Amino acid sequence: MPPKRTSPTPTSRQPTPTRDMLIVQCSKCPKRGKATCSQQACLKCCTDESCSGHYEQRQYQIQKDLILKSQHPINLEAKKIRELKTQPGAFHEPALKYMNESLLIWSFDEYMKNQKWKDDSIRKSRRFVEGNLYKMFKFKERKQFGLPYKKESRRIRFKRVVDHLYRESLNSSK
């Protein structure tokens, strides 16, 4: 019986050995070297800085060292962002985690530059303080005699304010 014939493997399927695929022992140590290296050495033993065989490995090692030293551009960008982190409770809004996450809607300086708004706010503040002082005085006065405190009517308040303004105008004319 004749031997079985097997068809040879087509050449297109067989990988052609490249210089990278050839196993070369390092010329300086027992490790495996790189065939494309000018010295046919491993990465640690290769002293040629412009070695084309170890270029990619050197670039990868440089990136790794930068990451470990926190000098990589991504690390530096993250450091800037971490520096902008706010302290808990710095703002009433808990969603604000970093500075520059918000925008200025209302500025007190701009408000006080407008003379009309400034005078209006001062007048309202003064009115509020005077009204509270008057209420406090009335309450103490009525409490002293054991009388219940009742809210001042609009008519009485109007008369009191007009009387106060009249006295102020007399004082300013002197």
Protein backbone atom coordinates (compact mmCIF):
# COMPACT_ATOMS: atom_id res chain seq x y z
CA MET A 1 0.00 0.00 0.00
CA PRO A 2 1.42 3.37 -0.99
CA PRO A 3 2.01 5.92 1.75
CA LYS A 4 -0.66 8.57 2.30
CA ARG A 5 0.13 11.77 0.66
CA THR A 6 -0.38 14.90 2.65
CA SER A 7 -0.52 18.18 0.95
CA PRO A 8 2.19 20.61 1.94
CA THR A 9 1.17 23.67 3.91
CA PRO A 10 0.73 26.62 1.59
CA THR A 11 3.43 29.22 1.90
CA SER A 12 0.90 31.98 2.46
CA ARG A 13 -0.06 30.38 5.78
CA GLN A 14 3.44 29.93 7.07
CA PRO A 15 4.70 33.01 8.86
CA THR A 16 7.98 34.20 7.57
CA PRO A 17 10.47 34.70 10.33
CA THR A 18 11.21 38.36 10.93
CA ARG A 19 14.18 39.79 12.76
CA ASP A 20 11.98 40.37 15.84
CA MET A 21 10.91 36.73 15.86
CA LEU A 22 14.42 35.36 15.84
CA ILE A 23 15.53 34.36 19.29
CA VAL A 24 18.78 36.05 20.12
CA GLN A 25 20.53 35.77 23.43
CA CYS A 26 21.74 39.02 24.97
CA SER A 27 25.42 39.57 24.30
CA LYS A 28 26.04 40.74 27.89
CA CYS A 29 23.73 38.59 30.06
CA PRO A 30 21.80 35.30 29.80
CA LYS A 31 18.48 37.05 29.03
CA ARG A 32 16.82 37.10 25.66
CA GLY A 33 18.00 39.99 23.52
CA LYS A 34 16.38 41.88 20.69
CA ALA A 35 17.46 40.92 17.18
CA THR A 36 16.86 44.47 15.89
CA CYS A 37 19.08 45.95 18.58
CA SER A 38 22.38 47.30 17.27
CA GLN A 39 24.19 45.48 20.11
CA GLN A 40 21.86 42.45 20.14
CA ALA A 41 21.26 43.03 23.84
CA CYS A 42 18.30 43.16 26.20
CA LEU A 43 16.77 46.50 27.25
CA LYS A 44 18.78 46.75 30.49
CA CYS A 45 22.12 45.95 28.85
CA CYS A 46 21.61 48.12 25.75
CA THR A 47 23.69 51.30 26.05
CA ASP A 48 22.80 52.80 22.67
CA GLU A 49 20.24 55.58 23.30
CA SER A 50 19.23 55.75 19.63
CA CYS A 51 18.68 51.98 19.34
CA SER A 52 15.74 51.41 17.00
CA GLY A 53 15.03 47.97 18.47
CA HIS A 54 14.37 49.27 21.97
CA TYR A 55 12.77 52.63 21.05
CA GLU A 56 9.18 51.59 21.86
CA GLN A 57 10.22 49.95 25.14
CA ARG A 58 12.19 53.04 26.17
CA GLN A 59 9.20 55.30 25.41
CA TYR A 60 6.93 53.00 27.43
CA GLN A 61 9.41 53.05 30.33
CA ILE A 62 9.58 56.86 30.22
CA GLN A 63 5.76 57.04 30.41
CA LYS A 64 5.74 54.61 33.35
CA ASP A 65 8.38 56.64 35.21
CA LEU A 66 6.43 59.87 34.63
CA ILE A 67 3.28 58.27 36.04
CA LEU A 68 5.13 56.99 39.12
CA LYS A 69 6.67 60.44 39.73
CA SER A 70 3.24 62.12 39.18
CA GLN A 71 4.71 64.19 36.35
CA HIS A 72 2.59 62.76 33.54
CA PRO A 73 0.34 65.39 31.85
CA ILE A 74 -2.78 63.53 32.99
CA ASN A 75 -1.49 63.46 36.59
CA LEU A 76 -0.73 67.19 36.46
CA GLU A 77 -4.22 67.96 35.13
CA ALA A 78 -5.81 65.82 37.86
CA LYS A 79 -3.70 67.61 40.48
CA LYS A 80 -5.03 70.99 39.30
CA ILE A 81 -8.60 69.72 39.56
CA ARG A 82 -8.00 68.26 43.04
CA GLU A 83 -6.65 71.63 44.22
CA LEU A 84 -9.97 73.25 43.26
CA LYS A 85 -11.94 70.93 45.56
CA THR A 86 -14.00 72.84 48.15
CA GLN A 87 -14.27 72.10 51.84
CA PRO A 88 -17.52 70.41 52.92
CA GLY A 89 -20.02 73.04 54.03
CA ALA A 90 -18.26 75.95 52.29
CA PHE A 91 -21.38 76.56 50.21
CA HIS A 92 -25.04 76.05 51.02
CA GLU A 93 -25.41 74.04 47.82
CA PRO A 94 -24.01 70.54 48.43
CA ALA A 95 -23.67 69.84 44.69
CA LEU A 96 -20.76 72.31 44.37
CA LYS A 97 -17.71 70.10 44.81
CA TYR A 98 -15.06 72.19 43.02
CA MET A 99 -14.37 75.90 42.62
CA ASN A 100 -15.35 77.50 39.31
CA GLU A 101 -18.34 75.15 38.99
CA SER A 102 -20.77 78.00 39.47
CA LEU A 103 -21.41 81.35 37.90
CA LEU A 104 -22.03 84.79 39.36
CA ILE A 105 -25.71 85.66 39.25
CA TRP A 106 -25.81 88.60 41.63
CA SER A 107 -22.97 90.81 42.83
CA PHE A 108 -23.21 92.97 45.95
CA ASP A 109 -20.59 95.37 44.54
CA GLU A 110 -22.64 95.95 41.37
CA TYR A 111 -25.76 96.41 43.49
CA MET A 112 -24.12 99.04 45.68
CA LYS A 113 -22.75 100.96 42.67
CA ASN A 114 -26.31 101.81 41.63
CA GLN A 115 -27.21 104.78 43.87
CA LYS A 116 -30.98 104.24 43.65
CA TRP A 117 -30.73 100.60 44.77
CA LYS A 118 -28.24 101.50 47.48
CA ASP A 119 -30.47 104.22 48.96
CA ASP A 120 -33.49 101.94 48.78
CA SER A 121 -31.74 99.11 50.63
CA ILE A 122 -30.40 101.49 53.31
CA ARG A 123 -33.87 102.99 53.76
CA LYS A 124 -35.48 99.55 54.10
CA SER A 125 -32.81 98.42 56.54
CA ARG A 126 -33.20 101.54 58.66
CA ARG A 127 -37.00 101.17 58.58
CA PHE A 128 -36.72 97.54 59.66
CA VAL A 129 -34.40 98.38 62.57
CA GLU A 130 -36.50 101.33 63.74
CA GLY A 131 -39.69 99.28 63.50
CA ASN A 132 -38.19 96.48 65.56
CA LEU A 133 -36.87 98.91 68.18
CA TYR A 134 -40.27 100.56 68.41
CA LYS A 135 -42.03 97.19 68.76
CA MET A 136 -39.55 96.10 71.41
CA PHE A 137 -40.02 99.34 73.34
CA LYS A 138 -43.83 99.10 73.11
CA PHE A 139 -43.75 95.46 74.20
CA LYS A 140 -41.60 96.23 77.26
CA GLU A 141 -43.78 99.23 78.12
CA ARG A 142 -47.00 97.21 77.94
CA LYS A 143 -45.43 94.26 79.76
CA GLN A 144 -44.41 96.60 82.58
CA PHE A 145 -48.05 97.44 83.23
CA GLY A 146 -49.23 93.87 82.64
CA LEU A 147 -51.09 94.75 79.44
CA PRO A 148 -51.19 92.36 76.47
CA TYR A 149 -49.21 93.46 73.40
CA LYS A 150 -51.30 93.90 70.28
CA LYS A 151 -50.09 94.62 66.77
CA GLU A 152 -49.96 98.27 65.72
CA SER A 153 -52.56 99.25 63.10
CA ARG A 154 -51.64 100.78 59.75
CA ARG A 155 -53.20 104.12 60.65
CA ILE A 156 -51.24 104.41 63.89
CA ARG A 157 -48.02 103.34 62.18
CA PHE A 158 -48.55 105.93 59.42
CA LYS A 159 -49.03 108.69 62.00
CA ARG A 160 -45.93 107.56 63.87
CA VAL A 161 -43.78 107.55 60.70
CA VAL A 162 -45.06 110.99 59.59
CA ASP A 163 -44.38 112.36 63.06
CA HIS A 164 -40.87 110.86 63.01
CA LEU A 165 -40.12 112.36 59.58
CA TYR A 166 -41.46 115.75 60.72
CA ARG A 167 -39.13 115.72 63.75
CA GLU A 168 -36.17 114.75 61.54
CA SER A 169 -36.87 117.64 59.15
CA LEU A 170 -36.96 120.05 62.09
CA ASN A 171 -33.63 118.74 63.39
CA SER A 172 -31.98 118.98 59.97
CA SER A 173 -33.12 122.61 59.45
CA LYS A 174 -31.43 123.81 62.66
